[in-house]
PDB file of N, CA and C in Angstrom:
ATOM      1  N   MET A   1      67.779-192.723  56.577  1.00  0.00           N
ATOM      2  CA  MET A   1      69.170-192.883  56.084  1.00  0.00           C
ATOM      3  C   MET A   1      69.246-194.047  55.141  1.00  0.00           C
ATOM      4  N   ASN A   2      68.567-195.184  55.531  1.00  0.00           N
ATOM      5  CA  ASN A   2      68.635-196.322  54.612  1.00  0.00           C
ATOM      6  C   ASN A   2      67.899-196.005  53.371  1.00  0.00           C
ATOM      7  N   VAL A   3      66.843-195.282  53.359  1.00  0.00           N
ATOM      8  CA  VAL A   3      66.084-194.930  52.191  1.00  0.00           C
ATOM      9  C   VAL A   3      66.909-194.085  51.270  1.00  0.00           C
ATOM     10  N   GLN A   4      67.611-193.091  51.815  1.00  0.00           N
ATOM     11  CA  GLN A   4      68.505-192.242  51.008  1.00  0.00           C
ATOM     12  C   GLN A   4      69.640-193.042  50.385  1.00  0.00           C
ATOM     13  N   ASN A   5      70.215-193.920  51.183  1.00  0.00           N
ATOM     14  CA  ASN A   5      71.262-194.727  50.690  1.00  0.00           C
ATOM     15  C   ASN A   5      70.821-195.655  49.549  1.00  0.00           C
ATOM     16  N   SER A   6      69.601-196.280  49.713  1.00  0.00           N
ATOM     17  CA  SER A   6      69.136-197.096  48.612  1.00  0.00           C
ATOM     18  C   SER A   6      68.774-196.334  47.414  1.00  0.00           C
ATOM     19  N   ASN A   7      68.165-195.119  47.604  1.00  0.00           N
ATOM     20  CA  ASN A   7      67.887-194.191  46.462  1.00  0.00           C
ATOM     21  C   ASN A   7      69.163-193.828  45.728  1.00  0.00           C
ATOM     22  N   HIS A   8      70.179-193.542  46.505  1.00  0.00           N
ATOM     23  CA  HIS A   8      71.469-193.127  45.947  1.00  0.00           C
ATOM     24  C   HIS A   8      72.082-194.262  45.170  1.00  0.00           C
ATOM     25  N   LYS A   9      72.015-195.536  45.730  1.00  0.00           N
ATOM     26  CA  LYS A   9      72.564-196.681  45.036  1.00  0.00           C
ATOM     27  C   LYS A   9      71.781-196.973  43.769  1.00  0.00           C
ATOM     28  N   GLU A  10      70.447-196.781  43.881  1.00  0.00           N
ATOM     29  CA  GLU A  10      69.602-197.076  42.740  1.00  0.00           C
ATOM     30  C   GLU A  10      69.919-196.038  41.625  1.00  0.00           C
ATOM     31  N   THR A  11      70.029-194.762  41.989  1.00  0.00           N
ATOM     32  CA  THR A  11      70.361-193.769  40.995  1.00  0.00           C
ATOM     33  C   THR A  11      71.766-194.028  40.367  1.00  0.00           C
ATOM     34  N   LEU A  12      72.704-194.414  41.205  1.00  0.00           N
ATOM     35  CA  LEU A  12      74.055-194.723  40.695  1.00  0.00           C
ATOM     36  C   LEU A  12      73.965-195.945  39.735  1.00  0.00           C
ATOM     37  N   ARG A  13      73.217-196.887  40.130  1.00  0.00           N
ATOM     38  CA  ARG A  13      73.080-198.082  39.322  1.00  0.00           C
ATOM     39  C   ARG A  13      72.432-197.743  37.986  1.00  0.00           C
ATOM     40  N   LYS A  14      71.461-196.915  37.984  1.00  0.00           N
ATOM     41  CA  LYS A  14      70.795-196.470  36.734  1.00  0.00           C
ATOM     42  C   LYS A  14      71.742-195.701  35.765  1.00  0.00           C
ATOM     43  N   ARG A  15      72.566-194.845  36.456  1.00  0.00           N
ATOM     44  CA  ARG A  15      73.534-194.112  35.661  1.00  0.00           C
ATOM     45  C   ARG A  15      74.582-195.042  35.039  1.00  0.00           C
ATOM     46  N   ILE A  16      75.015-196.011  35.789  1.00  0.00           N
ATOM     47  CA  ILE A  16      76.004-196.947  35.250  1.00  0.00           C
ATOM     48  C   ILE A  16      75.395-197.739  34.107  1.00  0.00           C
ATOM     49  N   ILE A  17      74.155-198.178  34.282  1.00  0.00           N
ATOM     50  CA  ILE A  17      73.494-198.969  33.204  1.00  0.00           C
ATOM     51  C   ILE A  17      73.317-198.072  31.971  1.00  0.00           C
ATOM     52  N   LEU A  18      72.910-196.769  32.126  1.00  0.00           N
ATOM     53  CA  LEU A  18      72.764-195.873  31.006  1.00  0.00           C
ATOM     54  C   LEU A  18      74.094-195.645  30.355  1.00  0.00           C
ATOM     55  N   PHE A  19      75.186-195.441  31.140  1.00  0.00           N
ATOM     56  CA  PHE A  19      76.457-195.244  30.510  1.00  0.00           C
ATOM     57  C   PHE A  19      76.944-196.437  29.702  1.00  0.00           C
ATOM     58  N   LEU A  20      76.726-197.650  30.251  1.00  0.00           N
ATOM     59  CA  LEU A  20      77.175-198.853  29.586  1.00  0.00           C
ATOM     60  C   LEU A  20      76.315-199.032  28.377  1.00  0.00           C
ATOM     61  N   SER A  21      75.036-198.695  28.409  1.00  0.00           N
ATOM     62  CA  SER A  21      74.228-198.876  27.247  1.00  0.00           C
ATOM     63  C   SER A  21      74.599-197.885  26.114  1.00  0.00           C
ATOM     64  N   ILE A  22      74.930-196.692  26.457  1.00  0.00           N
ATOM     65  CA  ILE A  22      75.439-195.749  25.523  1.00  0.00           C
ATOM     66  C   ILE A  22      76.764-196.152  24.898  1.00  0.00           C
ATOM     67  N   PHE A  23      77.663-196.600  25.777  1.00  0.00           N
ATOM     68  CA  PHE A  23      78.930-197.063  25.392  1.00  0.00           C
ATOM     69  C   PHE A  23      78.841-198.255  24.396  1.00  0.00           C
ATOM     70  N   SER A  24      77.991-199.233  24.776  1.00  0.00           N
ATOM     71  CA  SER A  24      77.755-200.361  23.933  1.00  0.00           C
ATOM     72  C   SER A  24      77.230-199.958  22.572  1.00  0.00           C
ATOM     73  N   GLY A  25      76.290-199.017  22.588  1.00  0.00           N
ATOM     74  CA  GLY A  25      75.675-198.510  21.266  1.00  0.00           C
ATOM     75  C   GLY A  25      76.737-197.930  20.400  1.00  0.00           C
ATOM     76  N   ILE A  26      77.635-197.111  21.009  1.00  0.00           N
ATOM     77  CA  ILE A  26      78.735-196.518  20.291  1.00  0.00           C
ATOM     78  C   ILE A  26      79.686-197.568  19.674  1.00  0.00           C
ATOM     79  N   LEU A  27      79.939-198.580  20.487  1.00  0.00           N
ATOM     80  CA  LEU A  27      80.766-199.635  19.965  1.00  0.00           C
ATOM     81  C   LEU A  27      80.108-200.433  18.812  1.00  0.00           C
ATOM     82  N   VAL A  28      78.846-200.650  18.869  1.00  0.00           N
ATOM     83  CA  VAL A  28      78.124-201.387  17.837  1.00  0.00           C
ATOM     84  C   VAL A  28      78.162-200.546  16.536  1.00  0.00           C
ATOM     85  N   ILE A  29      77.883-199.237  16.695  1.00  0.00           N
ATOM     86  CA  ILE A  29      77.899-198.325  15.524  1.00  0.00           C
ATOM     87  C   ILE A  29      79.265-198.294  14.903  1.00  0.00           C
ATOM     88  N   THR A  30      80.319-198.190  15.704  1.00  0.00           N
ATOM     89  CA  THR A  30      81.693-198.148  15.240  1.00  0.00           C
ATOM     90  C   THR A  30      81.985-199.491  14.536  1.00  0.00           C
ATOM     91  N   ASN A  31      81.667-200.617  15.110  1.00  0.00           N
ATOM     92  CA  ASN A  31      81.905-201.875  14.384  1.00  0.00           C
ATOM     93  C   ASN A  31      81.197-201.994  13.054  1.00  0.00           C
ATOM     94  N   ILE A  32      79.954-201.494  12.978  1.00  0.00           N
ATOM     95  CA  ILE A  32      79.263-201.557  11.700  1.00  0.00           C
ATOM     96  C   ILE A  32      79.958-200.697  10.666  1.00  0.00           C
ATOM     97  N   TYR A  33      80.401-199.507  11.080  1.00  0.00           N
ATOM     98  CA  TYR A  33      81.143-198.544  10.225  1.00  0.00           C
ATOM     99  C   TYR A  33      82.428-199.224   9.715  1.00  0.00           C
ATOM    100  N   LEU A  34      83.131-199.903  10.609  1.00  0.00           N
ATOM    101  CA  LEU A  34      84.419-200.485  10.261  1.00  0.00           C
ATOM    102  C   LEU A  34      84.142-201.690   9.350  1.00  0.00           C
ATOM    103  N   LEU A  35      83.140-202.435   9.516  1.00  0.00           N
ATOM    104  CA  LEU A  35      82.777-203.545   8.595  1.00  0.00           C
ATOM    105  C   LEU A  35      82.468-203.002   7.193  1.00  0.00           C
ATOM    106  N   ILE A  36      81.738-201.841   7.113  1.00  0.00           N
ATOM    107  CA  ILE A  36      81.469-201.254   5.812  1.00  0.00           C
ATOM    108  C   ILE A  36      82.828-200.834   5.148  1.00  0.00           C
ATOM    109  N   LEU A  37      83.693-200.204   5.906  1.00  0.00           N
ATOM    110  CA  LEU A  37      84.953-199.788   5.344  1.00  0.00           C
ATOM    111  C   LEU A  37      85.733-201.030   4.845  1.00  0.00           C
ATOM    112  N   LEU A  38      85.723-202.068   5.609  1.00  0.00           N
ATOM    113  CA  LEU A  38      86.502-203.321   5.276  1.00  0.00           C
ATOM    114  C   LEU A  38      85.904-203.889   3.987  1.00  0.00           C
ATOM    115  N   PHE A  39      84.595-203.926   3.850  1.00  0.00           N
ATOM    116  CA  PHE A  39      83.956-204.461   2.628  1.00  0.00           C
ATOM    117  C   PHE A  39      84.349-203.640   1.410  1.00  0.00           C
ATOM    118  N   ASN A  40      84.280-202.305   1.561  1.00  0.00           N
ATOM    119  CA  ASN A  40      84.633-201.421   0.463  1.00  0.00           C
ATOM    120  C   ASN A  40      86.123-201.592   0.065  1.00  0.00           C
ATOM    121  N   GLN A  41      86.970-201.736   1.034  1.00  0.00           N
ATOM    122  CA  GLN A  41      88.421-201.944   0.755  1.00  0.00           C
ATOM    123  C   GLN A  41      88.666-203.241   0.036  1.00  0.00           C
ATOM    124  N   LYS A  42      87.917-204.337   0.390  1.00  0.00           N
ATOM    125  CA  LYS A  42      88.043-205.563  -0.294  1.00  0.00           C
ATOM    126  C   LYS A  42      87.609-205.428  -1.756  1.00  0.00           C
ATOM    127  N   GLN A  43      86.515-204.684  -1.972  1.00  0.00           N
ATOM    128  CA  GLN A  43      86.066-204.451  -3.343  1.00  0.00           C
ATOM    129  C   GLN A  43      87.113-203.788  -4.149  1.00  0.00           C
ATOM    130  N   LYS A  44      87.672-202.737  -3.600  1.00  0.00           N
ATOM    131  CA  LYS A  44      88.709-201.954  -4.335  1.00  0.00           C
ATOM    132  C   LYS A  44      89.902-202.848  -4.650  1.00  0.00           C
ATOM    133  N   THR A  45      90.306-203.680  -3.655  1.00  0.00           N
ATOM    134  CA  THR A  45      91.478-204.575  -3.814  1.00  0.00           C
ATOM    135  C   THR A  45      91.206-205.541  -4.969  1.00  0.00           C
ATOM    136  N   SER A  46      90.010-206.098  -4.987  1.00  0.00           N
ATOM    137  CA  SER A  46      89.729-207.080  -6.029  1.00  0.00           C
ATOM    138  C   SER A  46      89.680-206.412  -7.408  1.00  0.00           C
ATOM    139  N   GLU A  47      89.152-205.171  -7.461  1.00  0.00           N
ATOM    140  CA  GLU A  47      89.142-204.434  -8.755  1.00  0.00           C
ATOM    141  C   GLU A  47      90.608-204.158  -9.204  1.00  0.00           C
ATOM    142  N   GLN A  48      91.478-203.809  -8.202  1.00  0.00           N
ATOM    143  CA  GLN A  48      92.850-203.521  -8.567  1.00  0.00           C
ATOM    144  C   GLN A  48      93.575-204.764  -9.075  1.00  0.00           C
ATOM    145  N   VAL A  49      93.290-205.908  -8.526  1.00  0.00           N
ATOM    146  CA  VAL A  49      93.868-207.221  -8.900  1.00  0.00           C
ATOM    147  C   VAL A  49      93.473-207.467 -10.359  1.00  0.00           C
ATOM    148  N   VAL A  50      92.223-207.264 -10.690  1.00  0.00           N
ATOM    149  CA  VAL A  50      91.763-207.452 -12.085  1.00  0.00           C
ATOM    150  C   VAL A  50      92.469-206.525 -13.061  1.00  0.00           C
ATOM    151  N   ILE A  51      92.581-205.258 -12.647  1.00  0.00           N
ATOM    152  CA  ILE A  51      93.210-204.272 -13.524  1.00  0.00           C
ATOM    153  C   ILE A  51      94.699-204.685 -13.692  1.00  0.00           C
ATOM    154  N   THR A  52      95.378-205.057 -12.648  1.00  0.00           N
ATOM    155  CA  THR A  52      96.719-205.466 -12.714  1.00  0.00           C
ATOM    156  C   THR A  52      96.962-206.655 -13.655  1.00  0.00           C
ATOM    157  N   LYS A  53      96.043-207.630 -13.578  1.00  0.00           N
ATOM    158  CA  LYS A  53      96.083-208.777 -14.495  1.00  0.00           C
ATOM    159  C   LYS A  53      95.964-208.382 -15.935  1.00  0.00           C
ATOM    160  N   GLU A  54      95.008-207.469 -16.178  1.00  0.00           N
ATOM    161  CA  GLU A  54      94.794-206.921 -17.516  1.00  0.00           C
ATOM    162  C   GLU A  54      96.053-206.285 -18.028  1.00  0.00           C
ATOM    163  N   VAL A  55      96.663-205.477 -17.233  1.00  0.00           N
ATOM    164  CA  VAL A  55      97.848-204.771 -17.587  1.00  0.00           C
ATOM    165  C   VAL A  55      98.984-205.747 -17.901  1.00  0.00           C
ATOM    166  N   ILE A  56      99.108-206.753 -17.097  1.00  0.00           N
ATOM    167  CA  ILE A  56     100.176-207.783 -17.350  1.00  0.00           C
ATOM    168  C   ILE A  56      99.912-208.436 -18.726  1.00  0.00           C
ATOM    169  N   VAL A  57      98.676-208.761 -19.033  1.00  0.00           N
ATOM    170  CA  VAL A  57      98.401-209.454 -20.286  1.00  0.00           C
ATOM    171  C   VAL A  57      98.746-208.494 -21.400  1.00  0.00           C
ATOM    172  N   GLU A  58      98.330-207.236 -21.319  1.00  0.00           N
ATOM    173  CA  GLU A  58      98.692-206.308 -22.354  1.00  0.00           C
ATOM    174  C   GLU A  58     100.162-206.156 -22.525  1.00  0.00           C
ATOM    175  N   ARG A  59     100.870-206.082 -21.376  1.00  0.00           N
ATOM    176  CA  ARG A  59     102.352-205.929 -21.436  1.00  0.00           C
ATOM    177  C   ARG A  59     102.935-207.195 -22.193  1.00  0.00           C
ATOM    178  N   ASP A  60     102.475-208.352 -21.883  1.00  0.00           N
ATOM    179  CA  ASP A  60     102.977-209.523 -22.568  1.00  0.00           C
ATOM    180  C   ASP A  60     102.714-209.518 -24.041  1.00  0.00           C
ATOM    181  N   ASN A  61     101.488-208.996 -24.409  1.00  0.00           N
ATOM    182  CA  ASN A  61     101.146-208.905 -25.802  1.00  0.00           C
ATOM    183  C   ASN A  61     102.048-207.913 -26.529  1.00  0.00           C
ATOM    184  N   VAL A  62     102.353-206.791 -25.871  1.00  0.00           N
ATOM    185  CA  VAL A  62     103.257-205.821 -26.495  1.00  0.00           C
ATOM    186  C   VAL A  62     104.629-206.348 -26.593  1.00  0.00           C
ATOM    187  N   LYS A  63     105.142-207.140 -25.628  1.00  0.00           N
ATOM    188  CA  LYS A  63     106.404-207.756 -25.715  1.00  0.00           C
ATOM    189  C   LYS A  63     106.493-208.673 -26.905  1.00  0.00           C
ATOM    190  N   THR A  64     105.486-209.469 -27.054  1.00  0.00           N
ATOM    191  CA  THR A  64     105.425-210.396 -28.208  1.00  0.00           C
ATOM    192  C   THR A  64     105.434-209.666 -29.536  1.00  0.00           C
ATOM    193  N   ALA A  65     104.632-208.603 -29.588  1.00  0.00           N
ATOM    194  CA  ALA A  65     104.593-207.838 -30.877  1.00  0.00           C
ATOM    195  C   ALA A  65     105.923-207.223 -31.112  1.00  0.00           C
ATOM    196  N   LEU A  66     106.612-206.735 -30.056  1.00  0.00           N
ATOM    197  CA  LEU A  66     107.962-206.082 -30.249  1.00  0.00           C
ATOM    198  C   LEU A  66     108.931-207.106 -30.789  1.00  0.00           C
ATOM    199  N   GLU A  67     108.911-208.307 -30.216  1.00  0.00           N
ATOM    200  CA  GLU A  67     109.833-209.338 -30.648  1.00  0.00           C
ATOM    201  C   GLU A  67     109.572-209.719 -32.127  1.00  0.00           C
ATOM    202  N   GLN A  68     108.278-209.802 -32.449  1.00  0.00           N
ATOM    203  CA  GLN A  68     107.958-210.053 -33.860  1.00  0.00           C
ATOM    204  C   GLN A  68     108.451-208.942 -34.820  1.00  0.00           C
ATOM    205  N   LEU A  69     108.347-207.691 -34.354  1.00  0.00           N
ATOM    206  CA  LEU A  69     108.793-206.570 -35.162  1.00  0.00           C
ATOM    207  C   LEU A  69     110.339-206.591 -35.272  1.00  0.00           C
ATOM    208  N   LYS A  70     111.012-206.886 -34.174  1.00  0.00           N
ATOM    209  CA  LYS A  70     112.430-206.977 -34.301  1.00  0.00           C
ATOM    210  C   LYS A  70     112.900-208.063 -35.203  1.00  0.00           C
ATOM    211  N   LYS A  71     112.223-209.217 -35.115  1.00  0.00           N
ATOM    212  CA  LYS A  71     112.579-210.324 -36.094  1.00  0.00           C
ATOM    213  C   LYS A  71     112.278-209.910 -37.517  1.00  0.00           C
ATOM    214  N   GLY A  72     111.133-209.254 -37.748  1.00  0.00           N
ATOM    215  CA  GLY A  72     110.793-208.771 -39.052  1.00  0.00           C
ATOM    216  C   GLY A  72     111.868-207.756 -39.542  1.00  0.00           C
ATOM    217  N   TYR A  73     112.263-206.841 -38.667  1.00  0.00           N
ATOM    218  CA  TYR A  73     113.295-205.902 -39.064  1.00  0.00           C
ATOM    219  C   TYR A  73     114.648-206.538 -39.423  1.00  0.00           C
ATOM    220  N   GLU A  74     115.048-207.575 -38.614  1.00  0.00           N
ATOM    221  CA  GLU A  74     116.221-208.261 -38.889  1.00  0.00           C
ATOM    222  C   GLU A  74     116.148-208.960 -40.302  1.00  0.00           C
ATOM    223  N   ASP A  75     114.969-209.559 -40.562  1.00  0.00           N
ATOM    224  CA  ASP A  75     114.765-210.156 -41.884  1.00  0.00           C
ATOM    225  C   ASP A  75     114.849-209.125 -43.021  1.00  0.00           C
ATOM    226  N   LEU A  76     114.351-207.935 -42.803  1.00  0.00           N
ATOM    227  CA  LEU A  76     114.388-206.882 -43.744  1.00  0.00           C
ATOM    228  C   LEU A  76     115.876-206.434 -43.985  1.00  0.00           C
ATOM    229  N   LYS A  77     116.619-206.370 -42.848  1.00  0.00           N
ATOM    230  CA  LYS A  77     118.040-206.021 -43.002  1.00  0.00           C
ATOM    231  C   LYS A  77     118.762-207.069 -43.843  1.00  0.00           C
ATOM    232  N   THR A  78     118.456-208.282 -43.614  1.00  0.00           N
ATOM    233  CA  THR A  78     119.066-209.350 -44.381  1.00  0.00           C
ATOM    234  C   THR A  78     118.660-209.228 -45.857  1.00  0.00           C
ATOM    235  N   ASP A  79     117.391-209.051 -46.093  1.00  0.00           N
ATOM    236  CA  ASP A  79     116.917-208.897 -47.466  1.00  0.00           C
ATOM    237  C   ASP A  79     117.554-207.684 -48.122  1.00  0.00           C
ATOM    238  N   ASN A  80     117.735-206.607 -47.342  1.00  0.00           N
ATOM    239  CA  ASN A  80     118.292-205.429 -47.906  1.00  0.00           C
ATOM    240  C   ASN A  80     119.721-205.657 -48.299  1.00  0.00           C
ATOM    241  N   SER A  81     120.501-206.314 -47.441  1.00  0.00           N
ATOM    242  CA  SER A  81     121.886-206.607 -47.837  1.00  0.00           C
ATOM    243  C   SER A  81     121.995-207.539 -49.025  1.00  0.00           C
ATOM    244  N   ASP A  82     121.058-208.517 -49.101  1.00  0.00           N
ATOM    245  CA  ASP A  82     121.027-209.389 -50.237  1.00  0.00           C
ATOM    246  C   ASP A  82     120.678-208.606 -51.541  1.00  0.00           C
ATOM    247  N   LEU A  83     119.734-207.737 -51.411  1.00  0.00           N
ATOM    248  CA  LEU A  83     119.424-206.863 -52.598  1.00  0.00           C
ATOM    249  C   LEU A  83     120.628-205.947 -52.931  1.00  0.00           C
ATOM    250  N   GLN A  84     121.293-205.465 -51.965  1.00  0.00           N
ATOM    251  CA  GLN A  84     122.403-204.647 -52.234  1.00  0.00           C
ATOM    252  C   GLN A  84     123.531-205.406 -52.954  1.00  0.00           C
ATOM    253  N   LYS A  85     123.713-206.639 -52.558  1.00  0.00           N
ATOM    254  CA  LYS A  85     124.735-207.502 -53.210  1.00  0.00           C
ATOM    255  C   LYS A  85     124.312-207.710 -54.642  1.00  0.00           C
ATOM    256  N   GLU A  86     122.978-207.960 -54.913  1.00  0.00           N
ATOM    257  CA  GLU A  86     122.533-208.205 -56.224  1.00  0.00           C
ATOM    258  C   GLU A  86     122.650-206.951 -57.103  1.00  0.00           C
ATOM    259  N   ILE A  87     122.449-205.738 -56.556  1.00  0.00           N
ATOM    260  CA  ILE A  87     122.666-204.505 -57.262  1.00  0.00           C
ATOM    261  C   ILE A  87     124.100-204.303 -57.575  1.00  0.00           C
ATOM    262  N   ASP A  88     124.984-204.595 -56.630  1.00  0.00           N
ATOM    263  CA  ASP A  88     126.403-204.478 -56.817  1.00  0.00           C
ATOM    264  C   ASP A  88     126.884-205.423 -57.923  1.00  0.00           C
ATOM    265  N   GLU A  89     126.298-206.658 -57.938  1.00  0.00           N
ATOM    266  CA  GLU A  89     126.655-207.578 -59.016  1.00  0.00           C
ATOM    267  C   GLU A  89     126.224-207.188 -60.320  1.00  0.00           C
ATOM    268  N   LYS A  90     125.049-206.606 -60.383  1.00  0.00           N
ATOM    269  CA  LYS A  90     124.514-206.093 -61.653  1.00  0.00           C
ATOM    270  C   LYS A  90     125.305-204.900 -62.149  1.00  0.00           C
ATOM    271  N   LYS A  91     125.814-204.036 -61.306  1.00  0.00           N
ATOM    272  CA  LYS A  91     126.567-202.934 -61.667  1.00  0.00           C
ATOM    273  C   LYS A  91     127.959-203.353 -62.200  1.00  0.00           C
ATOM    274  N   ALA A  92     128.443-204.457 -61.633  1.00  0.00           N
ATOM    275  CA  ALA A  92     129.749-204.880 -62.052  1.00  0.00           C
ATOM    276  C   ALA A  92     129.809-205.572 -63.360  1.00  0.00           C
TER     277      ALA A  92
END
């Protein structure tokens, strides 16, 4: 009876150790996979930040160019009205 009990306990102990080993292995593999996903996500995030900064710089350049065009257009309108006055004066 003692021999059977000790065999049963030993078998149960081996099963528990096997189960814990498999479970630990699964956890290690899962952690490695999650670390890889985290690294990839950080790469994508840093690339997105660079792209966003480039877009902001381009937007600012376009705004500056638009302001210069508006100013140039206003100057042309002024020149046009001056020219119109000159033409009117010559006609008169």
